[in-house]
Protein backbone atom coordinates (compact mmCIF):
# COMPACT_ATOMS: atom_id res chain seq x y z
CA MET A 1 99.96 194.76 24.10
CA SER A 2 102.31 194.11 21.20
CA ALA A 3 104.63 191.02 20.45
CA ASP A 4 106.89 193.46 18.63
CA LEU A 5 108.07 194.93 22.01
CA THR A 6 110.16 193.18 24.91
CA VAL A 7 111.68 194.27 28.19
CA VAL A 8 115.50 194.52 28.65
CA LEU A 9 117.91 195.27 31.35
CA ALA A 10 118.79 198.95 30.59
CA SER A 11 122.10 199.83 29.06
CA PRO A 12 123.98 202.97 30.45
CA ALA A 13 122.46 205.01 27.88
CA GLN A 14 118.90 203.74 28.33
CA LYS A 15 119.51 204.33 32.15
CA ARG A 16 120.14 207.89 31.38
CA ALA A 17 117.07 208.10 29.33
CA TRP A 18 115.03 206.64 32.35
CA ARG A 19 116.62 209.32 34.64
CA ARG A 20 115.87 212.18 32.13
CA ASN A 21 112.12 211.12 32.14
CA ALA A 22 112.06 210.68 35.91
CA TRP A 23 113.45 214.11 36.64
CA GLU A 24 111.08 215.74 34.19
CA TYR A 25 108.08 214.13 35.59
CA TRP A 26 108.86 214.11 39.41
CA MET A 27 111.86 216.71 40.35
CA LYS A 28 111.60 219.41 37.79
CA PRO A 29 108.25 220.86 39.22
CA GLY A 30 109.85 220.94 42.72
CA GLY A 31 112.80 223.10 41.33
CA MET A 32 115.52 220.56 41.07
CA SER A 33 117.98 220.85 38.29
CA GLU A 34 118.70 217.98 35.93
CA GLU A 35 122.29 218.19 36.83
CA SER A 36 121.47 217.95 40.57
CA PHE A 37 119.18 214.84 39.82
CA HIS A 38 121.86 212.92 37.88
CA GLU A 39 124.47 213.92 40.59
CA ASN A 40 121.90 212.44 43.35
CA GLN A 41 121.49 209.49 41.27
CA ASP A 42 125.34 208.94 40.73
CA TRP A 43 125.89 209.06 44.43
CA GLN A 44 123.01 206.69 45.30
CA GLU A 45 124.37 204.09 42.80
CA ALA A 46 128.04 204.40 44.37
CA GLU A 47 127.13 204.99 48.02
CA ALA A 48 123.64 204.14 49.07
CA ARG A 49 123.24 200.89 50.72
CA HIS A 50 119.96 199.88 49.04
CA ALA A 51 121.90 200.06 45.61
CA GLN A 52 124.90 198.09 46.39
CA ASP A 53 125.55 194.68 44.88
CA ASN A 54 123.17 195.22 41.95
CA ARG A 55 120.27 195.66 44.15
CA ALA A 56 118.94 198.47 42.01
CA LEU A 57 118.31 197.81 38.45
CA ILE A 58 116.65 199.67 35.68
CA TRP A 59 114.18 197.92 33.06
CA ALA A 60 113.06 199.41 29.79
CA LEU A 61 110.32 198.46 27.28
CA VAL A 62 111.87 198.77 23.73
CA PRO A 63 111.15 197.33 20.22
CA ARG A 64 112.44 193.78 19.54
CA SER A 65 114.05 195.30 16.25
CA ASP A 66 116.08 198.06 18.28
CA LEU A 67 117.11 196.56 21.57
CA GLN A 68 119.66 199.33 22.35
CA THR A 69 117.21 202.33 21.50
CA THR A 70 117.26 205.21 23.94
CA ASN A 71 114.00 206.18 22.91
CA ILE A 72 112.53 203.86 25.61
CA LEU A 73 108.82 203.36 25.54
CA ALA A 74 108.47 202.93 29.25
CA ALA A 75 110.77 202.07 32.16
CA CYS A 76 111.02 201.27 35.70
CA ARG A 77 113.53 200.46 38.57
CA THR A 78 113.49 197.32 40.95
CA LEU A 79 115.11 197.13 44.41
CA ARG A 80 116.01 193.72 45.38
CA ARG A 81 115.27 193.25 49.22
CA GLN A 82 115.64 190.53 51.90
CA ALA A 83 112.24 189.57 53.01
CA ARG A 84 110.61 187.13 55.72
CA CYS A 85 107.68 184.91 55.37
CA TYR A 86 105.96 182.83 58.15
CA ASP A 87 103.72 179.91 57.56
CA PRO A 88 101.76 179.12 60.70
CA GLU A 89 100.53 175.77 59.29
CA SER A 90 104.21 174.45 59.04
CA GLY A 91 105.59 176.70 61.85
CA GLN A 92 108.44 177.88 59.51
CA MET A 93 110.09 181.33 59.28
CA GLN A 94 111.74 181.75 55.97
CA ASP A 95 114.29 184.23 54.75
CA VAL A 96 113.18 185.01 51.14
CA THR A 97 113.61 187.50 48.42
CA SER A 98 111.20 190.46 47.22
CA TYR A 99 111.47 193.47 45.09
CA CYS A 100 110.01 196.76 45.47
CA VAL A 101 109.12 198.32 41.97
CA THR A 102 109.62 202.13 41.68
CA GLY A 103 110.09 204.92 39.06
CA VAL A 104 107.61 203.72 36.74
CA ILE A 105 107.77 206.30 33.93
CA THR A 106 106.73 206.79 30.45
CA ALA A 107 107.88 209.75 28.25
CA PRO A 108 104.88 212.12 27.25
CA GLU A 109 105.05 211.24 23.70
CA HIS A 110 104.59 207.57 24.53
CA ARG A 111 101.73 207.97 27.02
CA ARG A 112 98.33 206.24 26.69
CA LYS A 113 99.44 203.51 24.37
CA GLY A 114 99.46 200.62 26.80
CA TYR A 115 103.35 200.64 27.00
CA ALA A 116 103.49 200.98 30.88
CA ARG A 117 100.92 198.06 31.35
CA GLN A 118 102.92 195.81 29.18
CA LEU A 119 106.19 196.60 30.95
CA MET A 120 104.62 195.99 34.35
CA SER A 121 102.91 192.73 33.43
CA THR A 122 106.09 191.58 31.80
CA MET A 123 107.91 192.49 35.05
CA HIS A 124 106.00 189.75 36.97
CA TYR A 125 107.74 186.94 34.83
CA ILE A 126 111.09 188.70 35.22
CA LEU A 127 110.90 188.78 39.03
CA GLY A 128 108.81 185.66 39.98
CA PRO A 129 109.74 181.95 39.74
CA HIS A 130 107.63 180.36 36.79
CA ASP A 131 106.73 177.46 38.98
CA HIS A 132 103.77 179.15 40.56
CA LEU A 133 103.03 181.73 37.55
CA PRO A 134 100.44 181.34 34.80
CA PRO A 135 102.08 180.17 31.35
CA TRP A 136 103.84 183.24 29.45
CA PRO A 137 101.31 184.89 27.23
CA ILE A 138 103.19 184.26 24.19
CA GLU A 139 100.09 184.89 21.74
CA THR A 140 99.91 188.65 22.86
CA LEU A 141 103.40 189.34 24.06
CA GLY A 142 105.51 187.14 21.70
CA PRO A 143 108.70 185.40 23.10
CA PRO A 144 109.58 186.00 26.66
CA PRO A 145 112.45 188.17 27.41
CA SER A 146 116.06 186.66 27.33
CA ILE A 147 116.91 184.00 29.95
CA ARG A 148 120.06 186.49 31.06
CA THR A 149 117.26 189.10 31.87
CA MET A 150 115.35 186.95 34.18
CA ARG A 151 115.70 186.91 37.95
CA ASN A 152 112.94 184.57 39.08
CA ASP A 153 113.94 184.67 42.55
CA ALA A 154 111.06 186.87 44.22
CA LEU A 155 108.35 185.40 46.55
CA TYR A 156 106.45 188.52 45.87
CA SER A 157 106.87 192.29 44.80
CA ILE A 158 105.60 195.55 45.99
CA LEU A 159 105.03 199.05 44.72
CA TRP A 160 103.66 202.27 46.00
CA SER A 161 101.15 203.81 43.67
CA ASP A 162 100.36 207.51 43.22
CA VAL A 163 97.80 206.77 40.36
CA GLY A 164 95.23 204.88 42.50
CA GLU A 165 94.54 201.16 42.67
CA ASP A 166 93.23 200.16 39.41
CA PHE A 167 96.18 200.67 36.93
CA TYR A 168 98.63 198.33 38.77
CA ARG A 169 95.87 195.72 39.71
CA SER A 170 95.29 195.62 35.74
CA CYS A 171 98.81 194.81 35.17
CA LYS A 172 97.95 191.24 35.32
CA ILE A 173 99.85 188.03 36.02
CA GLY A 174 98.24 185.92 33.28
CA ASP A 175 94.55 186.04 34.09
CA ARG A 176 95.26 187.04 37.82
CA ASP A 177 95.42 190.43 39.37
CA GLY A 178 98.72 192.25 39.29
CA TRP A 179 99.61 194.52 42.39
CA VAL A 180 96.70 194.59 44.77
CA THR A 181 96.33 197.40 47.26
CA ARG A 182 96.85 196.34 50.94
CA LEU A 183 98.24 199.43 52.81
CA ASP A 184 96.32 202.82 52.40
CA GLU A 185 96.23 204.09 55.95
CA GLU A 186 98.37 206.72 57.98
CA LEU A 187 98.12 208.20 61.34
CA VAL A 188 98.25 211.83 61.71
CA TRP A 189 98.51 214.25 64.70
CA ASP A 190 98.82 217.84 64.77
CA ILE A 191 101.70 219.29 66.86
CA LYS A 192 99.98 222.43 67.95
CA ILE A 193 97.15 220.43 69.70
CA GLU A 194 99.77 218.28 71.07
CA ASP A 195 101.76 221.29 72.42
CA ARG A 196 98.67 222.47 74.44
CA GLN A 197 98.07 219.18 76.11
CA GLU A 198 101.71 218.55 76.96
CA ARG A 199 102.23 221.89 78.64
CA ALA A 200 99.21 221.43 80.65
CA ALA A 201 100.44 217.96 81.74
CA ALA A 202 104.08 219.42 82.30
CA VAL A 203 105.61 216.21 81.57
CA ASP A 204 109.39 215.83 81.71
CA LEU A 205 110.69 213.40 79.12
CA ASP A 206 113.34 211.11 80.22
CA LEU A 207 115.84 210.40 77.47
CA SER A 208 118.19 208.14 79.41
CA GLY A 209 119.22 205.14 77.29
CA VAL A 210 117.97 206.89 73.96
CA ARG A 211 120.49 207.23 71.09
CA PHE A 212 119.41 209.45 68.38
CA LEU A 213 120.22 208.66 64.70
CA ARG A 214 122.21 211.43 62.92
CA GLU A 215 123.84 209.56 60.03
CA TRP A 216 121.00 208.82 57.45
CA ASN A 217 123.07 206.32 55.32
CA ALA A 218 124.30 204.21 58.11
CA GLU A 219 123.03 201.16 59.83
CA LEU A 220 120.45 202.82 62.07
CA VAL A 221 118.81 199.82 64.11
CA PRO A 222 120.86 196.59 65.50
CA PRO A 223 120.21 193.64 63.34
CA ALA A 224 119.51 191.55 66.46
CA LEU A 225 116.97 193.89 67.57
CA VAL A 226 115.17 193.99 64.13
CA GLU A 227 115.10 190.29 63.96
CA SER A 228 113.67 189.51 67.27
CA TYR A 229 110.91 192.21 66.60
CA GLU A 230 110.03 190.94 63.13
CA THR A 231 109.76 187.43 64.50
CA LYS A 232 107.30 188.52 67.15
CA LEU A 233 105.37 190.57 64.67
CA LEU A 234 104.90 187.76 62.17
CA LYS A 235 104.00 185.27 64.71
CA GLN A 236 101.83 187.46 66.70
CA ALA A 237 99.82 188.49 63.31
CA ALA A 238 99.14 184.70 62.77
CA GLY A 239 98.24 184.09 66.56
CA ASN A 240 95.78 187.03 66.33
CA LEU A 241 93.93 185.16 63.25
CA ASP A 242 90.08 185.65 63.77
CA GLN A 243 88.65 182.48 62.31
CA ASN A 244 85.22 184.32 62.06
CA GLU A 245 86.72 186.63 59.37
CA SER A 246 86.50 185.92 55.71
CA GLU A 247 87.58 182.57 54.14
CA MET A 248 90.78 184.25 52.94
CA LYS A 249 92.16 183.98 56.32
CA THR A 250 92.67 180.41 57.11
CA ARG A 251 95.31 178.28 58.46
CA LYS A 252 96.99 178.43 54.92
CA THR A 253 97.58 182.20 55.37
CA LYS A 254 101.14 183.29 55.05
CA TYR A 255 102.55 186.53 56.79
CA ILE A 256 105.40 188.62 55.00
CA LEU A 257 107.35 191.65 55.33
CA ASP A 258 110.35 193.29 53.86
CA SER A 259 113.09 192.95 56.52
CA ALA A 260 114.34 196.12 58.13
CA ASN A 261 117.69 194.36 57.99
CA SER A 262 117.71 194.18 54.22
CA PRO A 263 120.51 196.65 53.30
CA GLY A 264 119.44 200.22 52.83
CA LEU A 265 115.79 199.40 53.37
CA ILE A 266 115.48 201.52 56.56
CA ASN A 267 117.32 204.20 54.93
CA TYR A 268 115.77 204.24 51.55
CA TYR A 269 113.26 207.04 52.26
CA LEU A 270 115.65 209.01 54.08
CA VAL A 271 118.50 208.89 51.41
CA ARG A 272 115.97 209.96 48.74
CA GLY A 273 114.37 212.67 50.94
CA VAL A 274 117.49 214.32 52.21
CA GLN A 275 118.98 214.55 48.89
CA ASN A 276 116.00 215.63 47.08
CA ARG A 277 115.05 218.41 49.42
CA SER A 278 118.65 219.80 49.56
CA SER A 279 118.56 220.10 45.81
CA SER A 280 115.10 221.76 45.68
CA SER A 281 114.95 225.63 45.44
CA LYS A 282 111.69 225.80 47.26
CA SER A 283 112.75 224.05 50.61
CA GLU A 284 116.02 225.71 51.57
CA PHE A 285 114.55 227.95 54.26
CA THR A 286 112.67 225.04 56.07
CA ILE A 287 115.17 222.21 56.21
CA PRO A 288 116.15 221.61 59.92
CA LYS A 289 119.68 222.63 60.81
CA PRO A 290 122.28 219.77 60.59
CA GLU A 291 123.03 220.28 64.43
CA THR A 292 119.42 219.76 65.43
CA GLU A 293 118.17 217.24 62.83
CA THR A 294 117.67 213.65 63.72
CA PHE A 295 116.51 210.65 61.70
CA GLY A 296 115.20 208.51 64.49
CA PHE A 297 116.20 206.88 67.71
CA VAL A 298 116.90 203.49 69.41
CA ASP A 299 116.56 202.55 72.97
CA GLN A 300 118.11 199.08 73.03
CA GLU A 301 117.44 198.32 76.71
CA ARG A 302 113.65 198.91 76.29
CA GLY A 303 113.64 197.37 72.69
CA ILE A 304 112.12 200.33 70.88
CA TRP A 305 113.08 202.42 67.89
CA ALA A 306 111.63 204.70 65.33
CA VAL A 307 112.96 206.26 62.13
CA TRP A 308 111.81 209.37 60.42
CA LEU A 309 112.44 212.09 57.97
CA VAL A 310 111.41 215.72 58.01
CA ASP A 311 109.56 216.23 54.56
CA ILE A 312 108.91 219.57 53.02
CA ASP A 313 105.81 220.40 51.07
CA ASP A 314 105.99 221.54 47.32
CA ASP A 315 105.90 225.22 48.33
CA GLY A 316 108.42 224.88 51.12
CA THR A 317 106.06 226.30 53.87
CA LYS A 318 105.01 223.13 55.64
CA ALA A 319 107.26 220.31 57.43
CA THR A 320 106.02 217.07 58.25
CA LEU A 321 107.75 214.45 60.31
CA ARG A 322 107.09 211.36 58.34
CA VAL A 323 107.88 208.30 60.59
CA THR A 324 108.64 205.35 58.27
CA SER A 325 109.62 202.44 60.77
CA VAL A 326 108.61 201.79 64.31
CA GLY A 327 109.67 198.73 66.34
CA VAL A 328 108.46 197.64 69.74
CA LEU A 329 109.84 194.56 71.23
CA SER A 330 107.15 194.22 73.85
CA LEU A 331 104.63 193.70 71.03
CA ASP A 332 103.58 190.24 72.56
CA ASP A 333 104.15 191.29 76.12
CA GLU A 334 101.54 192.39 78.68
CA GLN A 335 99.20 195.12 77.54
CA VAL A 336 100.60 197.73 80.16
CA LYS A 337 104.27 197.21 79.04
CA LEU A 338 103.39 197.59 75.53
CA ARG A 339 101.28 200.76 76.36
CA ASP A 340 104.05 202.22 78.25
CA ASP A 341 106.56 201.61 75.42
CA LEU A 342 104.23 203.23 72.88
CA VAL A 343 103.67 206.36 75.00
CA ARG A 344 107.42 206.61 75.15
CA ILE A 345 107.83 206.20 71.56
CA LYS A 346 105.24 208.88 70.89
CA ALA A 347 106.74 211.38 73.35
CA ILE A 348 110.10 211.15 71.77
CA ILE A 349 108.64 211.49 68.20
CA LEU A 350 106.74 214.61 69.16
CA ASP A 351 109.70 216.01 71.14
CA GLN A 352 112.01 215.69 68.12
CA ALA A 353 109.14 217.10 65.73
CA LYS A 354 108.98 220.21 67.85
CA ASN A 355 112.78 220.61 67.84
CA MET A 356 112.77 220.60 64.12
CA ASP A 357 109.64 223.06 63.66
CA CYS A 358 107.46 220.49 62.10
CA ASP A 359 103.73 221.11 61.78
CA GLU A 360 102.48 217.58 62.12
CA VAL A 361 103.60 213.97 62.36
CA THR A 362 102.48 211.13 60.07
CA VAL A 363 103.04 207.27 60.66
CA TRP A 364 102.65 204.78 57.77
CA ALA A 365 101.42 201.33 57.92
CA LEU A 366 101.64 200.41 61.55
CA PRO A 367 101.05 196.73 62.81
CA GLU A 368 97.36 196.18 63.64
CA ARG A 369 98.07 195.93 67.46
CA ILE A 370 100.06 198.92 67.85
CA GLN A 371 97.76 201.13 65.63
CA LYS A 372 94.82 200.11 67.61
CA LEU A 373 96.39 200.89 70.90
CA TRP A 374 97.71 204.32 69.79
CA MET A 375 94.16 205.30 68.44
CA GLU A 376 92.57 204.00 71.61
CA ASN A 377 94.73 205.99 74.02
CA GLU A 378 95.57 209.01 72.11
CA SER A 379 92.58 211.20 71.14
CA THR A 380 94.54 213.68 69.11
CA ILE A 381 95.66 210.80 66.66
CA LYS A 382 93.58 210.39 63.68
CA SER A 383 93.82 207.48 60.98
CA PHE A 384 93.17 208.57 57.30
CA LYS A 385 92.91 206.74 54.28
CA ARG A 386 95.48 207.94 51.66
CA LYS A 387 94.53 208.70 48.05
CA GLU A 388 98.03 208.26 46.81
CA HIS A 389 101.33 206.24 47.89
CA LEU A 390 99.30 203.15 48.16
CA GLY A 391 100.98 200.07 49.10
CA ALA A 392 100.15 197.20 46.84
CA ILE A 393 101.59 193.53 46.58
CA ALA A 394 101.89 190.96 43.76
CA TRP A 395 102.28 187.40 45.06
CA TYR A 396 104.50 184.89 43.19
CA GLY A 397 104.40 182.00 45.57
CA ALA A 398 102.21 178.95 46.01
CA GLY A 399 98.52 179.57 46.56
CA HIS A 400 96.60 182.68 45.87
CA GLY A 401 97.62 186.28 46.92
CA ASP A 402 94.41 186.58 49.02
CA GLU A 403 95.85 184.10 51.36
CA VAL A 404 98.98 186.48 52.05
CA GLN A 405 98.97 189.01 54.70
CA TRP A 406 101.43 191.74 54.39
CA GLU A 407 102.87 193.15 57.77
CA GLY A 408 104.56 196.51 58.08
CA GLY A 409 104.86 199.02 55.22
CA GLN A 410 108.19 200.60 54.80
CA GLU A 411 108.69 202.04 51.36
């Protein structure tokens, strides 16, 4: 940590430097040209719903003596999102602000000097309201960033770590842990196993009422359906509280999620994935044909949906259908209705996965009740602990972060 450094909102030239570092680290190994990466980023800034109205911002750690330098020491991007918080003690459901922190990168010549940790420790004070944060550590970090830089409107922030749990936890909020891992599971099922079972059962899939999603940058799920589902999800999570569990789960526990109604949230993985794979020389032979590719489905009458993307591995030989959002309005209904809806969701997902020649399906961070029912009734579905892409949260509200439960895990 150095008091000679500070964090600034990146200038256009500094943003370009962040892009180059990000391309070199993440995209160049997959065969994407630097020109294609810049074109993709330009398009996202102009057209992608998650980046409109200054929702996407780049931050850079620089020397106080040279605030405009393009030789940035570390940088990251934040995505401002609409979120929801349910407090069972007061019975209040609040609309709040959260941030997703992405693209944390340090150029090779600046690594292993503590720059990324200083950047990320500072970001807590840029994003969170200071009422509930420890005092700014002026002794180690010098004066805080300029008032113009501060946002201070986040109840919490999230990130998805590909470097394990320890680093981002160590980016502390004063003496408190930084981003603490909460979501590290995914469900996986093998298409070949399912093929054998479904052929034996000879089940015809009824698609009446199903609308498939074919526009990856459009509004995918009706907002009213999303709001109803999320309200049920948060309230049911609170209602299912097991009083015999650890002391961290008390009536003071708050339940939070990034809302799928936040502009561009439900599209975020799709937008990046479609653009990145189409620019990669290694995946051109395995991308689904435009006339057959779908990005999810909605059945409004039944109150169910799922959103997904075909993801190609680095050598272009394996296609995985990654389901990034699932909604089922019968979450708090009778078990039979919920089970029937889940069977239907799974059947539609598998049908589309096979149509697009996928090898397997993965589902991220399902609500507890949905995951439990799927695991109980579908023997081919397995749960795995991920070693990367770990969902972590930093809490900026009143109380301790251990008293908060994060529901749902869209990136």
